Amino acid sequence: MSFAARAPEPKPVSPEPVSPHPPAAPMPPLLTQSWLDLAFLHWAVDPADVAPLLPPGTVPDTFDGAAHVGLVAFRMYRVGGLGLPGIPYLGSFPETNVRLYSVDGQGRRAVVFRSLDASRLVPVLVARAAFRLPYVWSRMGVERSGDTLTYTSTRRWPGPRGARSRIVLRTGEAIERPTPLEHFLTARWALHSSFLGRTAYLPNVHPRWPLHRADLLECDEDLVATGGLPAPAGEPMSVLYSPGVPVRFGPQRRPRAGG
């Protein structure tokens, strides 16, 4: 009896270091945009709850053994493509996303989006068709009163219709030295996504995050549970604010074979 030779298992690769500084390599811009007035809310979750929700070839990225789910609300400003100027109206809108953290077989850390609620239908349709990202059309708003910001979102299409979030926070002092966990949750230089049956890696660069302390005054949401995760129990373990950064996305890259 003969047996076919079996391909060797790929060797585990240690995740790349977490760095608050963007990659140094030059990157031709595929997309440009700015992210403004960001609220970062995070809860610790069991990696076993995260693993089935990630693209093939990636695993949960963990900090002290815990995975994390982020609810991030902000204003997208002037999305542009291929080096062209950003679009004033269609390219500027509120957005709220539910995101997880992943690492691939090459050790590259990234974000995985479970949902991205946005208030402009045309960008939602383009992102769903061109990039296979789970964008959702929602009724949204971002309002500021002094140092207090209110982010609201109610889902329209494709649903589940009525899924919502309401976040109210008060911004605080700038953080001179973010903790390793705060860098881990914010310093992400790529996203992983399923694209045409494979896992794609889309890098981005932007200046180092200017982070601030923030007090969470209100959080009423069901977007995390709608994204396939257990509903958060209790207050988030991390609440941060950032005035924002300009961002460039480069071309998609597919992991090398075995990665």
C-alpha atoms as a PDB file:
ATOM      1  CA  MET A   1       0.000   0.000   0.000  1.00  0.00           C
ATOM      2  CA  SER A   2       1.374   3.414  -0.923  1.00  0.00           C
ATOM      3  CA  PHE A   3       0.568   6.777   0.548  1.00  0.00           C
ATOM      4  CA  ALA A   4       0.746  10.147  -1.189  1.00  0.00           C
ATOM      5  CA  ALA A   5       3.271  12.529   0.283  1.00  0.00           C
ATOM      6  CA  ARG A   6       1.601  15.098   2.466  1.00  0.00           C
ATOM      7  CA  ALA A   7       2.527  18.772   2.227  1.00  0.00           C
ATOM      8  CA  PRO A   8       4.235  20.021   5.393  1.00  0.00           C
ATOM      9  CA  GLU A   9       2.192  22.208   7.704  1.00  0.00           C
ATOM     10  CA  PRO A  10       3.194  25.892   7.505  1.00  0.00           C
ATOM     11  CA  LYS A  11       5.347  26.964  10.434  1.00  0.00           C
ATOM     12  CA  PRO A  12       3.643  29.354  12.879  1.00  0.00           C
ATOM     13  CA  VAL A  13       4.750  32.947  12.425  1.00  0.00           C
ATOM     14  CA  SER A  14       4.965  35.357  15.344  1.00  0.00           C
ATOM     15  CA  PRO A  15       2.771  38.441  14.913  1.00  0.00           C
ATOM     16  CA  GLU A  16       4.571  41.574  13.809  1.00  0.00           C
ATOM     17  CA  PRO A  17       5.279  44.084  16.599  1.00  0.00           C
ATOM     18  CA  VAL A  18       2.527  46.562  17.473  1.00  0.00           C
ATOM     19  CA  SER A  19       3.755  50.010  16.474  1.00  0.00           C
ATOM     20  CA  PRO A  20       1.998  53.384  16.780  1.00  0.00           C
ATOM     21  CA  HIS A  21       4.014  54.556  13.780  1.00  0.00           C
ATOM     22  CA  PRO A  22       2.870  53.861  10.192  1.00  0.00           C
ATOM     23  CA  PRO A  23       4.858  51.548   7.913  1.00  0.00           C
ATOM     24  CA  ALA A  24       7.799  53.317   6.301  1.00  0.00           C
ATOM     25  CA  ALA A  25       7.409  51.767   2.850  1.00  0.00           C
ATOM     26  CA  PRO A  26       5.896  54.111   0.215  1.00  0.00           C
ATOM     27  CA  MET A  27       2.431  53.159  -0.951  1.00  0.00           C
ATOM     28  CA  PRO A  28       0.575  54.402  -4.059  1.00  0.00           C
ATOM     29  CA  PRO A  29      -2.823  55.670  -2.913  1.00  0.00           C
ATOM     30  CA  LEU A  30      -5.820  53.613  -3.972  1.00  0.00           C
ATOM     31  CA  LEU A  31      -8.173  55.544  -1.681  1.00  0.00           C
ATOM     32  CA  THR A  32      -7.759  58.710   0.366  1.00  0.00           C
ATOM     33  CA  GLN A  33     -10.008  59.979   3.151  1.00  0.00           C
ATOM     34  CA  SER A  34      -9.971  61.505   6.609  1.00  0.00           C
ATOM     35  CA  TRP A  35     -11.415  60.035   9.795  1.00  0.00           C
ATOM     36  CA  LEU A  36     -12.603  62.744  12.203  1.00  0.00           C
ATOM     37  CA  ASP A  37     -14.023  62.870  15.745  1.00  0.00           C
ATOM     38  CA  LEU A  38     -13.570  59.188  16.514  1.00  0.00           C
ATOM     39  CA  ALA A  39     -15.042  57.386  19.514  1.00  0.00           C
ATOM     40  CA  PHE A  40     -13.282  54.068  20.249  1.00  0.00           C
ATOM     41  CA  LEU A  41     -15.223  51.692  22.520  1.00  0.00           C
ATOM     42  CA  HIS A  42     -13.819  48.226  23.237  1.00  0.00           C
ATOM     43  CA  TRP A  43     -14.867  45.126  25.125  1.00  0.00           C
ATOM     44  CA  ALA A  44     -12.779  42.019  25.836  1.00  0.00           C
ATOM     45  CA  VAL A  45     -14.247  38.838  24.308  1.00  0.00           C
ATOM     46  CA  ASP A  46     -13.397  35.146  24.187  1.00  0.00           C
ATOM     47  CA  PRO A  47     -11.130  34.330  21.214  1.00  0.00           C
ATOM     48  CA  ALA A  48     -13.331  31.279  20.599  1.00  0.00           C
ATOM     49  CA  ASP A  49     -16.247  33.624  19.831  1.00  0.00           C
ATOM     50  CA  VAL A  50     -14.122  35.616  17.390  1.00  0.00           C
ATOM     51  CA  ALA A  51     -12.359  32.846  15.454  1.00  0.00           C
ATOM     52  CA  PRO A  52     -15.381  31.646  13.377  1.00  0.00           C
ATOM     53  CA  LEU A  53     -16.049  35.220  12.224  1.00  0.00           C
ATOM     54  CA  LEU A  54     -12.628  35.846  10.670  1.00  0.00           C
ATOM     55  CA  PRO A  55     -11.557  35.328   7.030  1.00  0.00           C
ATOM     56  CA  PRO A  56      -9.795  32.051   6.126  1.00  0.00           C
ATOM     57  CA  GLY A  57      -6.119  32.002   6.995  1.00  0.00           C
ATOM     58  CA  THR A  58      -6.450  34.434   9.912  1.00  0.00           C
ATOM     59  CA  VAL A  59      -6.820  33.920  13.648  1.00  0.00           C
ATOM     60  CA  PRO A  60      -7.833  36.216  16.508  1.00  0.00           C
ATOM     61  CA  ASP A  61      -5.156  38.693  17.522  1.00  0.00           C
ATOM     62  CA  THR A  62      -5.058  38.711  21.318  1.00  0.00           C
ATOM     63  CA  PHE A  63      -3.679  40.837  24.135  1.00  0.00           C
ATOM     64  CA  ASP A  64      -2.946  39.000  27.398  1.00  0.00           C
ATOM     65  CA  GLY A  65      -5.007  36.100  26.094  1.00  0.00           C
ATOM     66  CA  ALA A  66      -8.145  38.138  25.288  1.00  0.00           C
ATOM     67  CA  ALA A  67      -9.640  39.088  21.937  1.00  0.00           C
ATOM     68  CA  HIS A  68     -11.476  42.394  21.582  1.00  0.00           C
ATOM     69  CA  VAL A  69     -14.462  43.808  19.746  1.00  0.00           C
ATOM     70  CA  GLY A  70     -14.508  47.493  18.899  1.00  0.00           C
ATOM     71  CA  LEU A  71     -17.443  49.805  18.287  1.00  0.00           C
ATOM     72  CA  VAL A  72     -15.991  52.829  16.499  1.00  0.00           C
ATOM     73  CA  ALA A  73     -18.056  55.875  15.532  1.00  0.00           C
ATOM     74  CA  PHE A  74     -16.701  58.837  13.561  1.00  0.00           C
ATOM     75  CA  ARG A  75     -17.086  61.192  10.617  1.00  0.00           C
ATOM     76  CA  MET A  76     -15.732  60.063   7.268  1.00  0.00           C
ATOM     77  CA  TYR A  77     -14.515  63.128   5.340  1.00  0.00           C
ATOM     78  CA  ARG A  78     -13.904  63.530   1.601  1.00  0.00           C
ATOM     79  CA  VAL A  79     -13.288  60.034   0.314  1.00  0.00           C
ATOM     80  CA  GLY A  80     -11.295  60.114  -2.926  1.00  0.00           C
ATOM     81  CA  GLY A  81      -9.843  57.535  -5.286  1.00  0.00           C
ATOM     82  CA  LEU A  82      -6.635  57.051  -7.303  1.00  0.00           C
ATOM     83  CA  GLY A  83      -5.075  60.288  -6.089  1.00  0.00           C
ATOM     84  CA  LEU A  84      -8.066  62.433  -7.093  1.00  0.00           C
ATOM     85  CA  PRO A  85      -9.439  65.063  -4.692  1.00  0.00           C
ATOM     86  CA  GLY A  86     -11.951  63.838  -2.135  1.00  0.00           C
ATOM     87  CA  ILE A  87     -15.655  64.156  -2.911  1.00  0.00           C
ATOM     88  CA  PRO A  88     -17.330  66.826  -0.732  1.00  0.00           C
ATOM     89  CA  TYR A  89     -20.886  65.440  -0.367  1.00  0.00           C
ATOM     90  CA  LEU A  90     -20.935  61.761  -1.309  1.00  0.00           C
ATOM     91  CA  GLY A  91     -17.521  61.296   0.256  1.00  0.00           C
ATOM     92  CA  SER A  92     -18.391  62.836   3.638  1.00  0.00           C
ATOM     93  CA  PHE A  93     -20.724  61.061   6.073  1.00  0.00           C
ATOM     94  CA  PRO A  94     -21.028  59.584   9.581  1.00  0.00           C
ATOM     95  CA  GLU A  95     -19.921  55.979  10.015  1.00  0.00           C
ATOM     96  CA  THR A  96     -20.054  53.433  12.822  1.00  0.00           C
ATOM     97  CA  ASN A  97     -18.282  50.103  12.545  1.00  0.00           C
ATOM     98  CA  VAL A  98     -18.030  46.881  14.525  1.00  0.00           C
ATOM     99  CA  ARG A  99     -14.548  45.464  14.204  1.00  0.00           C
ATOM    100  CA  LEU A 100     -12.376  42.575  15.323  1.00  0.00           C
ATOM    101  CA  TYR A 101      -8.607  42.078  15.327  1.00  0.00           C
ATOM    102  CA  SER A 102      -6.812  39.445  13.273  1.00  0.00           C
ATOM    103  CA  VAL A 103      -3.375  38.130  12.395  1.00  0.00           C
ATOM    104  CA  ASP A 104      -2.576  36.106   9.280  1.00  0.00           C
ATOM    105  CA  GLY A 105      -0.084  33.351   8.518  1.00  0.00           C
ATOM    106  CA  GLN A 106       2.575  35.944   7.687  1.00  0.00           C
ATOM    107  CA  GLY A 107       2.199  37.568  11.085  1.00  0.00           C
ATOM    108  CA  ARG A 108       0.460  40.655   9.709  1.00  0.00           C
ATOM    109  CA  ARG A 109      -1.952  42.292  12.124  1.00  0.00           C
ATOM    110  CA  ALA A 110      -5.160  43.844  10.794  1.00  0.00           C
ATOM    111  CA  VAL A 111      -8.792  44.761  11.403  1.00  0.00           C
ATOM    112  CA  VAL A 112     -11.770  42.653  10.331  1.00  0.00           C
ATOM    113  CA  PHE A 113     -15.072  44.492   9.958  1.00  0.00           C
ATOM    114  CA  ARG A 114     -18.306  42.780  10.951  1.00  0.00           C
ATOM    115  CA  SER A 115     -20.360  45.794   9.844  1.00  0.00           C
ATOM    116  CA  LEU A 116     -19.883  49.364   8.683  1.00  0.00           C
ATOM    117  CA  ASP A 117     -22.949  51.591   8.993  1.00  0.00           C
ATOM    118  CA  ALA A 118     -22.824  54.709   6.786  1.00  0.00           C
ATOM    119  CA  SER A 119     -25.352  57.373   5.886  1.00  0.00           C
ATOM    120  CA  ARG A 120     -24.641  57.679   2.123  1.00  0.00           C
ATOM    121  CA  LEU A 121     -26.222  55.013  -0.078  1.00  0.00           C
ATOM    122  CA  VAL A 122     -23.889  55.388  -3.083  1.00  0.00           C
ATOM    123  CA  PRO A 123     -20.648  54.776  -1.101  1.00  0.00           C
ATOM    124  CA  VAL A 124     -22.360  51.821   0.599  1.00  0.00           C
ATOM    125  CA  LEU A 125     -23.216  50.241  -2.763  1.00  0.00           C
ATOM    126  CA  VAL A 126     -19.728  50.875  -4.179  1.00  0.00           C
ATOM    127  CA  ALA A 127     -17.936  49.449  -1.131  1.00  0.00           C
ATOM    128  CA  ARG A 128     -20.127  46.349  -1.082  1.00  0.00           C
ATOM    129  CA  ALA A 129     -19.673  45.692  -4.806  1.00  0.00           C
ATOM    130  CA  ALA A 130     -16.024  46.657  -5.309  1.00  0.00           C
ATOM    131  CA  PHE A 131     -14.436  45.632  -2.007  1.00  0.00           C
ATOM    132  CA  ARG A 132     -16.950  43.117  -0.594  1.00  0.00           C
ATOM    133  CA  LEU A 133     -17.044  45.056   2.656  1.00  0.00           C
ATOM    134  CA  PRO A 134     -20.170  44.686   4.845  1.00  0.00           C
ATOM    135  CA  TYR A 135     -21.346  48.286   4.510  1.00  0.00           C
ATOM    136  CA  VAL A 136     -24.924  49.052   5.558  1.00  0.00           C
ATOM    137  CA  TRP A 137     -27.062  52.079   4.738  1.00  0.00           C
ATOM    138  CA  SER A 138     -28.251  53.771   7.932  1.00  0.00           C
ATOM    139  CA  ARG A 139     -29.811  56.972   9.217  1.00  0.00           C
ATOM    140  CA  MET A 140     -27.003  58.610  11.179  1.00  0.00           C
ATOM    141  CA  GLY A 141     -25.829  61.739  12.914  1.00  0.00           C
ATOM    142  CA  VAL A 142     -22.832  63.179  14.759  1.00  0.00           C
ATOM    143  CA  GLU A 143     -23.505  66.209  16.961  1.00  0.00           C
ATOM    144  CA  ARG A 144     -21.140  68.190  19.163  1.00  0.00           C
ATOM    145  CA  SER A 145     -22.021  70.402  22.117  1.00  0.00           C
ATOM    146  CA  GLY A 146     -18.898  71.777  23.744  1.00  0.00           C
ATOM    147  CA  ASP A 147     -16.766  68.777  24.692  1.00  0.00           C
ATOM    148  CA  THR A 148     -19.659  66.305  24.344  1.00  0.00           C
ATOM    149  CA  LEU A 149     -20.290  64.287  21.162  1.00  0.00           C
ATOM    150  CA  THR A 150     -23.381  62.246  20.317  1.00  0.00           C
ATOM    151  CA  TYR A 151     -23.265  59.563  17.615  1.00  0.00           C
ATOM    152  CA  THR A 152     -26.534  57.973  16.450  1.00  0.00           C
ATOM    153  CA  SER A 153     -27.260  55.253  13.905  1.00  0.00           C
ATOM    154  CA  THR A 154     -30.408  53.376  12.841  1.00  0.00           C
ATOM    155  CA  ARG A 155     -30.082  50.744  10.133  1.00  0.00           C
ATOM    156  CA  ARG A 156     -32.060  50.958   6.865  1.00  0.00           C
ATOM    157  CA  TRP A 157     -30.678  48.448   4.330  1.00  0.00           C
ATOM    158  CA  PRO A 158     -29.904  45.604   4.004  1.00  0.00           C
ATOM    159  CA  GLY A 159     -30.677  45.128   7.663  1.00  0.00           C
ATOM    160  CA  PRO A 160     -31.533  43.875  10.087  1.00  0.00           C
ATOM    161  CA  ARG A 161     -33.655  46.991   9.786  1.00  0.00           C
ATOM    162  CA  GLY A 162     -33.733  49.038  12.971  1.00  0.00           C
ATOM    163  CA  ALA A 163     -30.420  47.825  14.410  1.00  0.00           C
ATOM    164  CA  ARG A 164     -29.070  50.869  16.193  1.00  0.00           C
ATOM    165  CA  SER A 165     -26.431  52.582  18.262  1.00  0.00           C
ATOM    166  CA  ARG A 166     -26.346  55.721  20.357  1.00  0.00           C
ATOM    167  CA  ILE A 167     -23.053  56.789  21.890  1.00  0.00           C
ATOM    168  CA  VAL A 168     -22.555  59.911  23.997  1.00  0.00           C
ATOM    169  CA  LEU A 169     -19.100  60.760  25.295  1.00  0.00           C
ATOM    170  CA  ARG A 170     -17.257  63.680  26.796  1.00  0.00           C
ATOM    171  CA  THR A 171     -13.740  64.263  25.520  1.00  0.00           C
ATOM    172  CA  GLY A 172     -10.878  64.648  27.960  1.00  0.00           C
ATOM    173  CA  GLU A 173      -7.174  65.381  28.085  1.00  0.00           C
ATOM    174  CA  ALA A 174      -4.678  64.244  25.489  1.00  0.00           C
ATOM    175  CA  ILE A 175      -2.825  61.027  26.269  1.00  0.00           C
ATOM    176  CA  GLU A 176       0.908  61.664  26.202  1.00  0.00           C
ATOM    177  CA  ARG A 177       1.909  58.002  26.579  1.00  0.00           C
ATOM    178  CA  PRO A 178      -0.745  55.508  25.484  1.00  0.00           C
ATOM    179  CA  THR A 179      -0.566  52.099  27.135  1.00  0.00           C
ATOM    180  CA  PRO A 180       0.441  48.997  25.156  1.00  0.00           C
ATOM    181  CA  LEU A 181      -3.229  47.968  25.110  1.00  0.00           C
ATOM    182  CA  GLU A 182      -4.302  51.365  23.719  1.00  0.00           C
ATOM    183  CA  HIS A 183      -1.741  51.021  20.938  1.00  0.00           C
ATOM    184  CA  PHE A 184      -2.910  47.448  20.290  1.00  0.00           C
ATOM    185  CA  LEU A 185      -6.527  48.584  19.855  1.00  0.00           C
ATOM    186  CA  THR A 186      -5.847  51.596  17.633  1.00  0.00           C
ATOM    187  CA  ALA A 187      -2.533  51.175  15.765  1.00  0.00           C
ATOM    188  CA  ARG A 188      -3.793  48.992  12.930  1.00  0.00           C
ATOM    189  CA  TRP A 189      -2.223  49.406   9.509  1.00  0.00           C
ATOM    190  CA  ALA A 190      -4.409  47.115   7.390  1.00  0.00           C
ATOM    191  CA  LEU A 191      -7.680  45.231   7.096  1.00  0.00           C
ATOM    192  CA  HIS A 192      -8.327  41.596   6.269  1.00  0.00           C
ATOM    193  CA  SER A 193     -11.423  40.751   4.239  1.00  0.00           C
ATOM    194  CA  SER A 194     -12.840  37.902   2.199  1.00  0.00           C
ATOM    195  CA  PHE A 195     -12.620  38.826  -1.486  1.00  0.00           C
ATOM    196  CA  LEU A 196     -13.732  36.512  -4.292  1.00  0.00           C
ATOM    197  CA  GLY A 197     -13.301  33.451  -2.118  1.00  0.00           C
ATOM    198  CA  ARG A 198      -9.870  34.405  -0.813  1.00  0.00           C
ATOM    199  CA  THR A 199      -8.521  36.527   1.996  1.00  0.00           C
ATOM    200  CA  ALA A 200      -7.230  39.950   0.976  1.00  0.00           C
ATOM    201  CA  TYR A 201      -4.990  42.345   2.892  1.00  0.00           C
ATOM    202  CA  LEU A 202      -5.570  46.075   2.343  1.00  0.00           C
ATOM    203  CA  PRO A 203      -2.857  48.264   3.923  1.00  0.00           C
ATOM    204  CA  ASN A 204      -3.264  51.845   5.090  1.00  0.00           C
ATOM    205  CA  VAL A 205      -1.057  54.630   6.411  1.00  0.00           C
ATOM    206  CA  HIS A 206      -1.805  57.723   8.461  1.00  0.00           C
ATOM    207  CA  PRO A 207      -0.074  59.851  11.088  1.00  0.00           C
ATOM    208  CA  ARG A 208       0.244  58.489  14.601  1.00  0.00           C
ATOM    209  CA  TRP A 209      -3.117  58.601  16.396  1.00  0.00           C
ATOM    210  CA  PRO A 210      -3.662  61.655  18.627  1.00  0.00           C
ATOM    211  CA  LEU A 211      -5.570  59.950  21.468  1.00  0.00           C
ATOM    212  CA  HIS A 212      -7.572  61.503  24.315  1.00  0.00           C
ATOM    213  CA  ARG A 213      -9.218  60.186  27.435  1.00  0.00           C
ATOM    214  CA  ALA A 214     -13.014  60.160  27.251  1.00  0.00           C
ATOM    215  CA  ASP A 215     -15.946  59.609  29.611  1.00  0.00           C
ATOM    216  CA  LEU A 216     -18.742  57.446  28.244  1.00  0.00           C
ATOM    217  CA  LEU A 217     -22.035  59.114  29.203  1.00  0.00           C
ATOM    218  CA  GLU A 218     -24.362  56.792  27.287  1.00  0.00           C
ATOM    219  CA  CYS A 219     -24.136  53.665  25.144  1.00  0.00           C
ATOM    220  CA  ASP A 220     -27.264  52.002  23.794  1.00  0.00           C
ATOM    221  CA  GLU A 221     -26.515  49.641  20.930  1.00  0.00           C
ATOM    222  CA  ASP A 222     -27.243  46.254  19.411  1.00  0.00           C
ATOM    223  CA  LEU A 223     -24.758  46.375  16.526  1.00  0.00           C
ATOM    224  CA  VAL A 224     -22.232  44.100  18.263  1.00  0.00           C
ATOM    225  CA  ALA A 225     -24.766  41.313  18.756  1.00  0.00           C
ATOM    226  CA  THR A 226     -26.074  41.846  15.220  1.00  0.00           C
ATOM    227  CA  GLY A 227     -22.505  41.214  14.039  1.00  0.00           C
ATOM    228  CA  GLY A 228     -22.597  37.674  15.413  1.00  0.00           C
ATOM    229  CA  LEU A 229     -20.891  38.300  18.766  1.00  0.00           C
ATOM    230  CA  PRO A 230     -22.241  37.977  22.302  1.00  0.00           C
ATOM    231  CA  ALA A 231     -23.919  41.207  23.422  1.00  0.00           C
ATOM    232  CA  PRO A 232     -21.461  43.180  25.586  1.00  0.00           C
ATOM    233  CA  ALA A 233     -21.916  42.616  29.297  1.00  0.00           C
ATOM    234  CA  GLY A 234     -21.207  45.784  31.228  1.00  0.00           C
ATOM    235  CA  GLU A 235     -19.271  48.897  30.387  1.00  0.00           C
ATOM    236  CA  PRO A 236     -16.489  48.875  27.768  1.00  0.00           C
ATOM    237  CA  MET A 237     -13.028  48.263  29.182  1.00  0.00           C
ATOM    238  CA  SER A 238     -11.545  51.035  27.017  1.00  0.00           C
ATOM    239  CA  VAL A 239     -13.064  54.361  25.893  1.00  0.00           C
ATOM    240  CA  LEU A 240     -10.930  56.717  23.793  1.00  0.00           C
ATOM    241  CA  TYR A 241     -11.431  59.754  21.577  1.00  0.00           C
ATOM    242  CA  SER A 242      -9.354  61.074  18.687  1.00  0.00           C
ATOM    243  CA  PRO A 243      -9.805  64.307  16.706  1.00  0.00           C
ATOM    244  CA  GLY A 244      -8.757  62.296  13.657  1.00  0.00           C
ATOM    245  CA  VAL A 245      -6.188  61.666  10.936  1.00  0.00           C
ATOM    246  CA  PRO A 246      -5.864  61.773   7.126  1.00  0.00           C
ATOM    247  CA  VAL A 247      -5.637  58.240   5.676  1.00  0.00           C
ATOM    248  CA  ARG A 248      -4.345  56.554   2.521  1.00  0.00           C
ATOM    249  CA  PHE A 249      -5.235  52.993   1.499  1.00  0.00           C
ATOM    250  CA  GLY A 250      -2.956  51.074  -0.850  1.00  0.00           C
ATOM    251  CA  PRO A 251      -3.750  48.265  -3.304  1.00  0.00           C
ATOM    252  CA  GLN A 252      -5.032  44.947  -1.999  1.00  0.00           C
ATOM    253  CA  ARG A 253      -2.506  42.196  -1.393  1.00  0.00           C
ATOM    254  CA  ARG A 254      -3.239  38.513  -1.088  1.00  0.00           C
ATOM    255  CA  PRO A 255      -1.292  36.461   1.444  1.00  0.00           C
ATOM    256  CA  ARG A 256       1.451  34.319  -0.054  1.00  0.00           C
ATOM    257  CA  ALA A 257       0.792  30.611  -0.367  1.00  0.00           C
ATOM    258  CA  GLY A 258       0.704  29.046   3.060  1.00  0.00           C
ATOM    259  CA  GLY A 259      -0.045  32.404   4.681  1.00  0.00           C
END
